Amino acid sequence: MISNEDEDLEVNPVMVTLKLKAPDLYRRAADEQLLVCIPCAASSQGLPLNRTTLETHLLKPSPFFAGLYESMNGKTVEVEEGMLETRSGFLDNRRVRILFEELHYNENFKPFRVVCISQPLQGGVRPLEDRKRGKDAQAQVDTMEQCKTFLYALHLVDISPMTRAKTSIREFFHTYRIFAKGYLGHVTPKLCSLFDQVADELIRSNRDRLEDYSRGGKKWSMFRRSVEVVLMEDTKLARKDQEVGVSRDSEDVVNAHEKLYLRLRDAYKEEDARIERAITLLKSDSVKDFGADPVLEKCDFAGPVKLLRDFQKLPCALDKASTLKDVTNAIHASVLEAIEKGRVPEQTKIGSDDLLPLFIFALVQASPRCIYSNAELLQHFTSFGSMDSEISFHAANLRAAADFLLQSASHVKQPSRYTPSTGVPPEEALTDEGLELPGLPATSKPSKRHSDSTLPRQRGIDQNEHEKSSRKPSDPVTSTDVRKAGPEETKLPTRSLTTRQGSLNSFGAIKDEEEEMQLGEFLLALKSEDLPTSSGRGVPF
């Protein structure tokens, strides 16, 4: 034991229920060496000791993020410094103290941890918080307003480093007027080093008040994050890039958060426009079409959709990350509500292979603007001193959703410009919607439920149609091959993968059958030097 708390876990009602009523769960926890969380007996009054409660308190460490755990039923918990803090999947946020820890062994003599916690992670009785916890441990800096409250409560005597830093921020935006695609990884460290320097200078000039916030300490990240967010909010810049001495009218001035967002919007406006076209196509799809469990179609996801509707209006990247956290919680809450109302089975769970499709579904229904720009913002400009695992998780989810929608945009059928009146050649009639996108596969593979890929399927591509077929040379040439058959060597049989958007050619571009037939006529005419006239139309050179 690591504490003087006096409680015997062998007679704890939660532990007894776990061993006697759900031995399969206990055996799995022991075999997989999970973290078993047992609420103290005083806090378990009124706690429903069902399978859902037990699964919530059996935690598996995340393979990607240190300190982050996932329960058996898909909820997320962060473990740090003797505390458990609930993250996604819970109805409310709780910080639960670890009272003591015991080491148990499974049948193979491998150890697993059993911890006694001050209260359940969800439900039950909430005991009084430990009074030994200081105010700093309770401080939340997950939004811009919380950062301002925290920083102003420190009552700093010397704030001259922040005043000087505003000039450095203006010089940064004057130097980096264009954010070139693919080079944000070189721009970001410049801005981050500036905030690191300001935070260090503030600590040196306010040593008596900020001694506990030095770099490398436990409170550094919280302080550094607040300095960055508040400084960006207080720094005023011209909306348009102009020389020094620009008019400072209210409509021409934005803070640094807004300025950064405007720069990214300018850089990625093409990608944002493509995603908007893809959203129009995917608007009528259900959660099943995006790869989620079909049973989840009976859930009402109006809550997360509402949160995402005005997502792009938030200027601060930290507020955007906080909103994405709320969206994830709202998705879990929607499923829990459906379970309580009996619309979906009680054993329904949301795993990692369901969360991303549900998030993309909510994103499509909300249809916020500038999705790709926001994904770039969260990926490159949410350092906040040290990028914690939760912000990283939500930033990765948004980026995966943006990449999926951008790839879907490459399969949106565009109207053909190849008509007899315009005489536009077929090679010019192809739009950029059918081209390969940098960093993405040329064609998209449809996802299956619980397959290797957790990404939803691409719109309009049927899995069974990916199997290639071949035509024997002896097969007759039909009207779908060429309208006018010439010499034997000029027969050009065409094969199309029919979809509800049209047909998918070998390059991944969507084309309708009429355009493909016109292309066959044109190529045949070039080969035989005889323009087809059976349709009564001429194909212009």
Protein backbone atom coordinates (compact mmCIF):
# COMPACT_ATOMS: atom_id res chain seq x y z
CA MET A 1 0.00 0.00 0.00
CA ILE A 2 1.07 3.58 -0.62
CA SER A 3 -1.34 5.24 1.79
CA ASN A 4 -2.59 4.89 5.37
CA GLU A 5 -6.20 4.57 4.18
CA ASP A 6 -7.79 1.68 6.08
CA GLU A 7 -10.00 -0.39 3.80
CA ASP A 8 -10.03 -4.05 2.89
CA LEU A 9 -10.65 -4.43 -0.84
CA GLU A 10 -11.56 -8.10 -0.44
CA VAL A 11 -14.86 -7.09 1.18
CA ASN A 12 -15.41 -3.98 -0.95
CA PRO A 13 -18.84 -4.34 -2.65
CA VAL A 14 -17.47 -3.41 -6.10
CA MET A 15 -14.60 -5.91 -5.86
CA VAL A 16 -16.91 -8.65 -4.56
CA THR A 17 -19.36 -8.05 -7.41
CA LEU A 18 -16.55 -8.08 -9.96
CA LYS A 19 -15.20 -11.42 -8.74
CA LEU A 20 -18.48 -13.24 -8.11
CA LYS A 21 -20.97 -11.77 -10.59
CA ALA A 22 -18.61 -11.01 -13.51
CA PRO A 23 -15.69 -13.45 -13.22
CA ASP A 24 -15.03 -13.21 -16.96
CA LEU A 25 -14.32 -9.49 -16.62
CA TYR A 26 -12.04 -10.04 -13.65
CA ARG A 27 -10.18 -12.83 -15.45
CA ARG A 28 -9.76 -10.66 -18.55
CA ALA A 29 -8.48 -7.76 -16.42
CA ALA A 30 -5.96 -10.09 -14.79
CA ASP A 31 -4.83 -11.72 -18.04
CA GLU A 32 -4.44 -8.41 -19.89
CA GLN A 33 -2.91 -6.71 -16.80
CA LEU A 34 -5.44 -3.89 -16.81
CA LEU A 35 -5.70 -1.14 -14.22
CA VAL A 36 -8.57 -2.17 -11.91
CA CYS A 37 -10.21 0.84 -10.20
CA ILE A 38 -12.30 0.05 -7.12
CA PRO A 39 -14.31 2.96 -5.62
CA CYS A 40 -14.08 3.08 -1.84
CA ALA A 41 -17.02 1.53 0.01
CA ALA A 42 -18.29 4.89 1.32
CA SER A 43 -18.69 6.25 -2.21
CA SER A 44 -20.33 3.18 -3.76
CA GLN A 45 -23.71 3.77 -2.11
CA GLY A 46 -26.36 4.01 -4.81
CA LEU A 47 -23.87 2.90 -7.47
CA PRO A 48 -25.55 0.42 -9.87
CA LEU A 49 -23.27 -2.62 -9.76
CA ASN A 50 -24.03 -3.76 -13.31
CA ARG A 51 -21.73 -4.80 -16.11
CA THR A 52 -21.52 -1.28 -17.55
CA THR A 53 -20.25 0.12 -14.23
CA LEU A 54 -17.65 -2.62 -13.91
CA GLU A 55 -16.40 -2.13 -17.48
CA THR A 56 -16.07 1.62 -16.84
CA HIS A 57 -13.62 0.92 -14.00
CA LEU A 58 -11.36 -1.51 -15.89
CA LEU A 59 -8.77 0.55 -17.75
CA LYS A 60 -6.28 -0.34 -20.47
CA PRO A 61 -3.32 1.98 -21.17
CA SER A 62 -3.37 3.73 -24.53
CA PRO A 63 -0.69 2.48 -26.94
CA PHE A 64 -0.30 5.99 -28.34
CA PHE A 65 -0.49 8.53 -25.49
CA ALA A 66 1.29 8.29 -22.15
CA GLY A 67 -0.99 8.61 -19.13
CA LEU A 68 -4.16 8.03 -21.17
CA TYR A 69 -6.30 4.97 -20.48
CA GLU A 70 -9.38 3.54 -22.18
CA SER A 71 -12.07 1.61 -20.33
CA MET A 72 -13.56 -1.64 -21.59
CA ASN A 73 -16.62 0.27 -22.84
CA GLY A 74 -14.69 2.94 -24.75
CA LYS A 75 -14.45 5.80 -22.22
CA THR A 76 -11.20 7.73 -21.76
CA VAL A 77 -9.44 8.47 -18.45
CA GLU A 78 -6.19 10.33 -17.80
CA VAL A 79 -3.98 9.15 -14.94
CA GLU A 80 -1.40 11.56 -13.54
CA GLU A 81 0.19 12.21 -10.14
CA GLY A 82 -2.13 10.00 -8.12
CA MET A 83 -5.25 11.39 -9.79
CA LEU A 84 -7.71 10.01 -12.33
CA GLU A 85 -9.52 12.54 -14.50
CA THR A 86 -12.43 11.53 -16.70
CA ARG A 87 -12.19 12.60 -20.34
CA SER A 88 -14.35 11.48 -23.27
CA GLY A 89 -17.42 9.27 -22.82
CA PHE A 90 -18.48 10.51 -19.37
CA LEU A 91 -21.51 12.65 -18.58
CA ASP A 92 -19.48 14.95 -16.32
CA ASN A 93 -15.84 15.72 -15.60
CA ARG A 94 -14.40 14.25 -12.40
CA ARG A 95 -11.00 14.32 -10.76
CA VAL A 96 -10.75 11.21 -8.60
CA ARG A 97 -7.99 10.65 -6.06
CA ILE A 98 -6.16 7.32 -5.80
CA LEU A 99 -6.31 6.39 -2.09
CA PHE A 100 -3.95 3.43 -2.23
CA GLU A 101 -2.70 0.73 -4.57
CA GLU A 102 -2.27 -3.03 -4.33
CA LEU A 103 -0.37 -5.40 -6.60
CA HIS A 104 -2.26 -8.56 -7.60
CA TYR A 105 -1.07 -11.48 -9.75
CA ASN A 106 -2.80 -13.52 -12.43
CA GLU A 107 -2.57 -17.27 -13.04
CA ASN A 108 0.71 -16.78 -14.93
CA PHE A 109 2.16 -14.86 -11.96
CA LYS A 110 2.15 -11.61 -13.91
CA PRO A 111 1.31 -8.50 -11.84
CA PHE A 112 -1.58 -6.11 -12.43
CA ARG A 113 -2.54 -3.00 -10.46
CA VAL A 114 -5.65 -2.64 -8.31
CA VAL A 115 -6.24 0.89 -7.00
CA CYS A 116 -8.80 2.10 -4.50
CA ILE A 117 -10.23 5.46 -5.61
CA SER A 118 -12.05 8.14 -3.61
CA GLN A 119 -15.24 7.97 -5.72
CA PRO A 120 -16.64 6.21 -8.80
CA LEU A 121 -15.65 7.51 -12.20
CA GLN A 122 -19.37 7.80 -12.97
CA GLY A 123 -22.43 7.63 -10.71
CA GLY A 124 -22.45 6.89 -6.99
CA VAL A 125 -21.99 9.34 -4.11
CA ARG A 126 -19.51 12.21 -4.44
CA PRO A 127 -17.59 12.56 -1.14
CA LEU A 128 -16.00 15.82 -0.07
CA GLU A 129 -12.89 16.69 -2.06
CA ASP A 130 -9.58 16.28 -0.33
CA ARG A 131 -8.86 19.64 1.32
CA LYS A 132 -5.13 19.12 0.89
CA ARG A 133 -5.49 19.73 -2.81
CA GLY A 134 -4.33 23.24 -3.61
CA LYS A 135 -6.13 25.69 -5.81
CA ASP A 136 -3.51 25.27 -8.51
CA ALA A 137 -4.37 21.56 -8.86
CA GLN A 138 -8.00 22.53 -9.51
CA ALA A 139 -7.15 25.23 -12.04
CA GLN A 140 -8.48 24.57 -15.53
CA VAL A 141 -6.84 26.17 -18.55
CA ASP A 142 -8.78 24.42 -21.31
CA THR A 143 -10.25 27.60 -22.87
CA MET A 144 -9.07 31.12 -23.55
CA GLU A 145 -11.24 32.54 -20.75
CA GLN A 146 -9.82 30.05 -18.26
CA CYS A 147 -6.28 30.98 -19.30
CA LYS A 148 -7.02 34.67 -18.75
CA THR A 149 -8.57 33.98 -15.34
CA PHE A 150 -5.58 31.88 -14.28
CA LEU A 151 -2.93 34.36 -15.48
CA TYR A 152 -4.62 37.46 -14.06
CA ALA A 153 -5.08 35.72 -10.68
CA LEU A 154 -1.27 35.51 -10.35
CA HIS A 155 -1.14 39.32 -9.93
CA LEU A 156 2.17 39.70 -11.75
CA VAL A 157 4.15 42.80 -10.83
CA ASP A 158 6.32 43.04 -13.96
CA ILE A 159 4.52 42.35 -17.25
CA SER A 160 7.03 44.18 -19.47
CA PRO A 161 8.11 40.90 -21.18
CA MET A 162 4.56 40.51 -22.54
CA THR A 163 4.49 44.12 -23.72
CA ARG A 164 7.75 43.64 -25.63
CA ALA A 165 6.54 40.33 -27.04
CA LYS A 166 3.64 42.00 -28.85
CA THR A 167 6.16 43.76 -31.08
CA SER A 168 7.85 40.42 -31.81
CA ILE A 169 4.51 38.87 -32.77
CA ARG A 170 3.78 41.73 -35.19
CA GLU A 171 7.24 41.24 -36.74
CA PHE A 172 6.54 37.51 -37.08
CA PHE A 173 3.36 38.07 -39.08
CA HIS A 174 5.06 40.76 -41.14
CA THR A 175 7.91 38.36 -41.99
CA TYR A 176 5.72 35.31 -42.67
CA ARG A 177 3.05 36.88 -44.84
CA ILE A 178 2.44 33.68 -46.80
CA PHE A 179 2.11 30.25 -45.21
CA ALA A 180 3.37 27.93 -47.93
CA LYS A 181 1.77 24.50 -48.05
CA GLY A 182 3.99 21.83 -46.60
CA TYR A 183 6.21 24.29 -44.70
CA LEU A 184 4.11 24.99 -41.61
CA GLY A 185 6.41 22.66 -39.70
CA HIS A 186 9.18 25.24 -40.24
CA VAL A 187 7.02 28.23 -39.30
CA THR A 188 5.58 26.82 -36.07
CA PRO A 189 8.87 26.55 -34.10
CA LYS A 190 9.55 30.26 -34.69
CA LEU A 191 6.34 31.25 -32.97
CA CYS A 192 6.71 28.65 -30.20
CA SER A 193 10.24 29.76 -29.32
CA LEU A 194 8.95 33.31 -28.96
CA PHE A 195 6.36 32.22 -26.35
CA ASP A 196 8.93 30.07 -24.52
CA GLN A 197 11.18 33.11 -24.20
CA VAL A 198 8.35 35.31 -22.90
CA ALA A 199 7.37 32.75 -20.27
CA ASP A 200 10.98 32.43 -19.08
CA GLU A 201 11.37 36.22 -18.85
CA LEU A 202 8.12 36.54 -16.87
CA ILE A 203 9.32 33.95 -14.36
CA ARG A 204 12.69 35.71 -13.92
CA SER A 205 11.10 39.13 -13.46
CA ASN A 206 8.45 37.79 -11.03
CA ARG A 207 10.56 35.22 -9.20
CA ASP A 208 8.78 35.59 -5.85
CA ARG A 209 5.38 34.81 -7.39
CA LEU A 210 6.33 32.35 -10.13
CA GLU A 211 9.04 30.28 -8.51
CA ASP A 212 6.93 27.10 -8.81
CA TYR A 213 6.23 27.66 -12.53
CA SER A 214 9.79 27.28 -13.86
CA ARG A 215 10.49 25.30 -17.02
CA GLY A 216 10.56 21.58 -16.37
CA GLY A 217 8.27 21.81 -13.34
CA LYS A 218 4.77 20.38 -13.04
CA LYS A 219 3.13 23.80 -13.43
CA TRP A 220 5.20 25.02 -16.38
CA SER A 221 2.86 23.70 -19.06
CA MET A 222 -0.19 25.35 -17.50
CA PHE A 223 1.62 28.69 -17.17
CA ARG A 224 3.17 28.52 -20.64
CA ARG A 225 -0.18 27.75 -22.24
CA SER A 226 -1.85 30.70 -20.52
CA VAL A 227 0.93 33.09 -21.57
CA GLU A 228 0.61 32.07 -25.23
CA VAL A 229 -3.19 32.26 -25.40
CA VAL A 230 -3.50 35.59 -23.56
CA LEU A 231 -0.64 37.21 -25.47
CA MET A 232 -2.11 36.20 -28.83
CA GLU A 233 -5.49 37.54 -27.76
CA ASP A 234 -4.07 40.90 -26.62
CA THR A 235 -1.88 41.49 -29.69
CA LYS A 236 -3.74 43.56 -32.30
CA LEU A 237 -2.90 43.39 -36.00
CA ALA A 238 -4.25 44.79 -39.25
CA ARG A 239 -6.72 42.48 -40.96
CA LYS A 240 -5.00 43.00 -44.32
CA ASP A 241 -1.23 42.99 -44.73
CA GLN A 242 -0.26 46.63 -45.00
CA GLU A 243 2.67 48.78 -44.07
CA VAL A 244 3.19 50.29 -40.63
CA GLY A 245 0.90 53.22 -39.97
CA VAL A 246 -2.27 51.53 -41.16
CA SER A 247 -5.56 52.93 -39.93
CA ARG A 248 -6.60 51.27 -36.67
CA ASP A 249 -10.36 51.32 -37.23
CA SER A 250 -12.17 48.54 -35.44
CA GLU A 251 -13.18 46.71 -38.63
CA ASP A 252 -9.56 46.65 -39.86
CA VAL A 253 -8.03 45.23 -36.66
CA VAL A 254 -7.96 41.60 -35.48
CA ASN A 255 -6.08 39.83 -32.72
CA ALA A 256 -3.25 37.40 -33.43
CA HIS A 257 -5.53 34.35 -33.11
CA GLU A 258 -7.75 35.66 -35.90
CA LYS A 259 -4.76 36.74 -37.97
CA LEU A 260 -3.27 33.25 -37.82
CA TYR A 261 -6.59 31.72 -38.86
CA LEU A 262 -6.97 34.15 -41.78
CA ARG A 263 -3.50 33.22 -43.06
CA LEU A 264 -4.37 29.53 -43.02
CA ARG A 265 -7.69 30.16 -44.75
CA ASP A 266 -5.88 31.96 -47.56
CA ALA A 267 -3.36 29.12 -47.91
CA TYR A 268 -5.91 26.29 -47.96
CA LYS A 269 -8.98 27.86 -49.57
CA GLU A 270 -8.84 25.35 -52.45
CA GLU A 271 -8.94 22.35 -50.08
CA ASP A 272 -11.75 23.95 -48.08
CA ALA A 273 -13.81 24.43 -51.23
CA ARG A 274 -13.34 20.79 -52.27
CA ILE A 275 -14.44 19.57 -48.86
CA GLU A 276 -17.58 21.71 -49.05
CA ARG A 277 -18.47 20.05 -52.36
CA ALA A 278 -17.92 16.62 -50.82
CA ILE A 279 -20.13 17.49 -47.84
CA THR A 280 -22.95 18.39 -50.23
CA LEU A 281 -22.68 14.90 -51.72
CA LEU A 282 -22.48 13.10 -48.35
CA LYS A 283 -25.24 15.08 -46.62
CA SER A 284 -27.87 12.37 -47.02
CA ASP A 285 -25.66 9.53 -45.76
CA SER A 286 -26.38 7.80 -42.45
CA VAL A 287 -23.92 6.73 -39.77
CA LYS A 288 -23.87 3.24 -41.29
CA ASP A 289 -22.68 4.69 -44.61
CA PHE A 290 -19.64 6.16 -42.83
CA GLY A 291 -18.66 2.77 -41.38
CA ALA A 292 -20.20 2.93 -37.90
CA ASP A 293 -22.30 0.19 -36.30
CA PRO A 294 -25.76 0.24 -37.98
CA VAL A 295 -27.44 0.02 -34.57
CA LEU A 296 -26.17 3.56 -33.84
CA GLU A 297 -28.53 4.96 -36.49
CA LYS A 298 -31.20 5.07 -33.78
CA CYS A 299 -29.14 7.55 -31.72
CA ASP A 300 -29.86 11.26 -31.84
CA PHE A 301 -26.65 13.15 -32.60
CA ALA A 302 -28.22 16.62 -32.62
CA GLY A 303 -25.99 17.62 -29.67
CA PRO A 304 -22.58 17.14 -31.34
CA VAL A 305 -23.93 18.57 -34.62
CA LYS A 306 -24.98 21.75 -32.83
CA LEU A 307 -21.55 22.11 -31.23
CA LEU A 308 -19.80 21.80 -34.59
CA ARG A 309 -22.09 24.19 -36.47
CA ASP A 310 -20.23 27.35 -35.43
CA PHE A 311 -16.88 25.65 -34.90
CA GLN A 312 -15.05 27.84 -37.43
CA LYS A 313 -16.17 31.05 -35.68
CA LEU A 314 -13.91 30.41 -32.68
CA PRO A 315 -10.68 32.38 -33.28
CA CYS A 316 -8.54 30.67 -30.64
CA ALA A 317 -7.13 27.21 -31.42
CA LEU A 318 -7.47 26.20 -27.76
CA ASP A 319 -11.20 26.97 -27.83
CA LYS A 320 -11.51 24.86 -30.98
CA ALA A 321 -9.76 21.94 -29.27
CA SER A 322 -12.03 22.34 -26.26
CA THR A 323 -15.08 22.26 -28.54
CA LEU A 324 -13.87 19.04 -30.16
CA LYS A 325 -13.55 17.54 -26.69
CA ASP A 326 -17.16 18.55 -25.98
CA VAL A 327 -18.22 17.01 -29.29
CA THR A 328 -16.64 13.68 -28.37
CA ASN A 329 -18.36 13.75 -24.99
CA ALA A 330 -21.66 14.64 -26.67
CA ILE A 331 -21.35 11.66 -29.03
CA HIS A 332 -20.89 9.32 -26.07
CA ALA A 333 -23.76 11.02 -24.23
CA SER A 334 -26.04 10.52 -27.26
CA VAL A 335 -25.33 6.79 -27.24
CA LEU A 336 -25.85 6.53 -23.46
CA GLU A 337 -29.14 8.36 -23.80
CA ALA A 338 -30.26 5.95 -26.52
CA ILE A 339 -29.34 3.02 -24.26
CA GLU A 340 -31.31 4.47 -21.35
CA LYS A 341 -34.37 4.99 -23.58
CA GLY A 342 -34.12 1.47 -24.97
CA ARG A 343 -33.51 2.50 -28.57
CA VAL A 344 -30.24 0.53 -28.76
CA PRO A 345 -29.12 -2.59 -26.87
CA GLU A 346 -27.55 -2.11 -23.45
CA GLN A 347 -24.33 -3.83 -24.50
CA THR A 348 -23.72 -1.25 -27.26
CA LYS A 349 -20.22 0.20 -27.06
CA ILE A 350 -18.37 2.97 -28.87
CA GLY A 351 -14.85 1.91 -29.72
CA SER A 352 -12.18 3.72 -31.67
CA ASP A 353 -13.55 2.23 -34.91
CA ASP A 354 -16.92 3.92 -34.29
CA LEU A 355 -15.86 7.27 -32.85
CA LEU A 356 -14.21 8.62 -35.99
CA PRO A 357 -17.09 7.68 -38.35
CA LEU A 358 -19.58 9.24 -35.92
CA PHE A 359 -17.45 12.36 -35.70
CA ILE A 360 -17.30 12.65 -39.51
CA PHE A 361 -21.08 12.11 -39.69
CA ALA A 362 -21.65 14.96 -37.22
CA LEU A 363 -19.16 17.13 -39.11
CA VAL A 364 -20.99 16.56 -42.39
CA GLN A 365 -24.37 17.32 -40.84
CA ALA A 366 -23.07 20.50 -39.19
CA SER A 367 -21.24 21.62 -42.35
CA PRO A 368 -18.88 24.18 -40.76
CA ARG A 369 -16.71 26.23 -43.08
CA CYS A 370 -12.96 25.88 -43.60
CA ILE A 371 -12.57 22.37 -42.20
CA TYR A 372 -9.15 21.77 -43.74
CA SER A 373 -7.81 25.14 -42.52
CA ASN A 374 -8.97 24.32 -39.00
CA ALA A 375 -7.31 20.91 -39.18
CA GLU A 376 -4.00 22.55 -40.15
CA LEU A 377 -4.41 25.08 -37.35
CA LEU A 378 -4.87 22.42 -34.69
CA GLN A 379 -2.11 20.22 -36.07
CA HIS A 380 0.59 22.88 -36.21
CA PHE A 381 -0.39 25.69 -33.84
CA THR A 382 -1.65 24.05 -30.65
CA SER A 383 1.64 23.60 -28.83
CA PHE A 384 0.64 25.45 -25.64
CA GLY A 385 4.00 24.74 -24.10
CA SER A 386 3.61 20.98 -24.39
CA MET A 387 0.96 19.36 -26.53
CA ASP A 388 -0.98 17.15 -24.12
CA SER A 389 -2.34 13.81 -25.24
CA GLU A 390 -5.99 14.84 -25.28
CA ILE A 391 -5.48 17.87 -27.53
CA SER A 392 -3.32 15.69 -29.76
CA PHE A 393 -6.10 13.10 -29.94
CA HIS A 394 -8.77 15.61 -31.01
CA ALA A 395 -6.41 17.31 -33.48
CA ALA A 396 -5.65 13.92 -35.06
CA ASN A 397 -9.38 13.14 -35.31
CA LEU A 398 -10.10 16.41 -37.10
CA ARG A 399 -7.18 15.89 -39.47
CA ALA A 400 -8.32 12.35 -40.30
CA ALA A 401 -11.84 13.65 -40.98
CA ALA A 402 -10.50 16.45 -43.21
CA ASP A 403 -8.33 14.02 -45.18
CA PHE A 404 -11.27 11.67 -45.67
CA LEU A 405 -13.55 14.46 -46.92
CA LEU A 406 -10.82 15.79 -49.18
CA GLN A 407 -10.34 12.34 -50.67
CA SER A 408 -14.11 12.05 -51.11
CA ALA A 409 -14.04 15.33 -53.04
CA SER A 410 -11.85 13.71 -55.68
CA HIS A 411 -14.76 11.41 -56.56
CA VAL A 412 -17.40 14.12 -56.95
CA LYS A 413 -18.70 14.00 -60.52
CA GLN A 414 -18.28 17.31 -62.31
CA PRO A 415 -20.23 18.36 -65.44
CA SER A 416 -18.38 17.57 -68.65
CA ARG A 417 -17.21 20.51 -70.79
CA TYR A 418 -16.74 18.28 -73.84
CA THR A 419 -19.67 19.18 -76.12
CA PRO A 420 -19.95 19.56 -79.87
CA SER A 421 -20.69 23.26 -79.48
CA THR A 422 -17.60 24.09 -77.44
CA GLY A 423 -15.26 21.66 -79.11
CA VAL A 424 -13.20 21.24 -75.93
CA PRO A 425 -10.85 18.24 -76.32
CA PRO A 426 -11.34 15.35 -73.86
CA GLU A 427 -8.00 15.94 -72.14
CA GLU A 428 -9.09 19.48 -71.25
CA ALA A 429 -12.56 18.34 -70.24
CA LEU A 430 -11.12 16.44 -67.28
CA THR A 431 -11.27 18.58 -64.15
CA ASP A 432 -8.86 18.52 -61.26
CA GLU A 433 -11.50 16.70 -59.20
CA GLY A 434 -10.27 13.42 -60.62
CA LEU A 435 -6.57 13.96 -60.01
CA GLU A 436 -4.57 12.34 -57.26
CA LEU A 437 -4.20 14.44 -54.12
CA PRO A 438 -0.82 14.87 -52.43
CA GLY A 439 -0.35 12.49 -49.54
CA LEU A 440 -3.52 10.51 -50.28
CA PRO A 441 -4.06 7.25 -52.20
CA ALA A 442 -5.11 7.47 -55.83
CA THR A 443 -8.18 5.38 -55.16
CA SER A 444 -9.99 4.80 -51.91
CA LYS A 445 -10.72 1.42 -50.48
CA PRO A 446 -14.12 0.95 -48.85
CA SER A 447 -13.95 0.18 -45.16
CA LYS A 448 -15.69 -2.73 -43.52
CA ARG A 449 -17.07 -2.93 -40.03
CA HIS A 450 -14.23 -3.74 -37.61
CA SER A 451 -11.67 -3.99 -40.40
CA ASP A 452 -8.05 -2.82 -40.39
CA SER A 453 -9.12 0.68 -41.41
CA THR A 454 -11.32 2.78 -39.16
CA LEU A 455 -11.96 5.37 -41.83
CA PRO A 456 -15.40 5.42 -43.48
CA ARG A 457 -15.84 4.25 -47.05
CA GLN A 458 -15.55 6.67 -49.93
CA ARG A 459 -18.80 7.80 -51.49
CA GLY A 460 -19.91 5.95 -54.59
CA ILE A 461 -17.38 3.08 -54.52
CA ASP A 462 -18.71 -0.45 -54.06
CA GLN A 463 -16.33 -3.02 -52.65
CA ASN A 464 -17.49 -5.79 -54.97
CA GLU A 465 -16.76 -3.64 -57.98
CA HIS A 466 -13.05 -3.46 -57.25
CA GLU A 467 -12.52 -6.94 -58.67
CA LYS A 468 -11.10 -6.57 -62.15
CA SER A 469 -12.72 -8.33 -65.09
CA SER A 470 -11.27 -9.09 -68.51
CA ARG A 471 -12.78 -9.45 -72.01
CA LYS A 472 -11.67 -12.16 -74.35
CA PRO A 473 -10.51 -11.05 -77.83
CA SER A 474 -13.25 -13.18 -79.35
CA ASP A 475 -16.07 -11.42 -77.50
CA PRO A 476 -18.30 -9.31 -79.78
CA VAL A 477 -17.96 -5.56 -79.67
CA THR A 478 -21.20 -3.99 -78.45
CA SER A 479 -22.48 -0.45 -78.59
CA THR A 480 -20.95 0.24 -75.20
CA ASP A 481 -17.50 -0.48 -76.63
CA VAL A 482 -17.47 1.58 -79.82
CA ARG A 483 -20.35 2.94 -81.80
CA LYS A 484 -18.72 2.28 -85.17
CA ALA A 485 -16.46 -0.73 -85.52
CA GLY A 486 -13.51 -0.25 -87.79
CA PRO A 487 -10.66 -2.65 -88.53
CA GLU A 488 -9.95 -5.40 -86.04
CA GLU A 489 -7.04 -3.59 -84.45
CA THR A 490 -9.17 -0.47 -83.90
CA LYS A 491 -11.74 -2.14 -81.66
CA LEU A 492 -11.44 -0.42 -78.30
CA PRO A 493 -13.55 -2.27 -75.73
CA THR A 494 -14.12 -0.13 -72.67
CA ARG A 495 -14.83 -1.40 -69.17
CA SER A 496 -16.51 0.79 -66.59
CA LEU A 497 -17.15 0.21 -62.91
CA THR A 498 -20.70 1.46 -62.57
CA THR A 499 -21.50 3.41 -59.43
CA ARG A 500 -24.37 5.65 -58.37
CA GLN A 501 -22.26 8.62 -59.41
CA GLY A 502 -21.33 7.25 -62.83
CA SER A 503 -18.27 5.12 -63.55
CA LEU A 504 -14.84 4.85 -61.95
CA ASN A 505 -11.94 4.77 -64.37
CA SER A 506 -8.50 3.30 -63.66
CA PHE A 507 -7.21 6.65 -62.40
CA GLY A 508 -9.92 6.99 -59.76
CA ALA A 509 -11.79 9.75 -61.60
CA ILE A 510 -15.57 9.62 -61.89
CA LYS A 511 -16.95 9.86 -65.44
CA ASP A 512 -20.43 9.22 -66.74
CA GLU A 513 -21.10 6.65 -69.47
CA GLU A 514 -21.93 9.19 -72.13
CA GLU A 515 -18.63 11.01 -71.70
CA GLU A 516 -16.76 7.69 -71.78
CA MET A 517 -18.52 6.73 -75.01
CA GLN A 518 -17.62 10.10 -76.55
CA LEU A 519 -14.02 9.55 -75.58
CA GLY A 520 -14.09 6.11 -77.26
CA GLU A 521 -15.44 7.69 -80.45
CA PHE A 522 -12.74 10.32 -80.43
CA LEU A 523 -9.90 7.81 -79.95
CA LEU A 524 -11.38 5.54 -82.64
CA ALA A 525 -11.58 8.44 -85.07
CA LEU A 526 -7.92 9.25 -84.49
CA LYS A 527 -6.99 5.62 -85.12
CA SER A 528 -9.04 5.08 -88.28
CA GLU A 529 -8.84 8.68 -89.59
CA ASP A 530 -12.58 8.53 -90.16
CA LEU A 531 -14.90 10.64 -88.05
CA PRO A 532 -18.06 8.81 -86.86
CA THR A 533 -21.24 10.18 -88.41
CA SER A 534 -23.81 7.52 -87.52
CA SER A 535 -25.11 9.62 -84.62
CA GLY A 536 -25.58 12.61 -86.86
CA ARG A 537 -22.95 14.58 -84.96
CA GLY A 538 -19.42 15.46 -85.85
CA VAL A 539 -16.59 15.37 -83.33
CA PRO A 540 -14.50 18.50 -83.93
CA PHE A 541 -10.73 18.46 -83.85
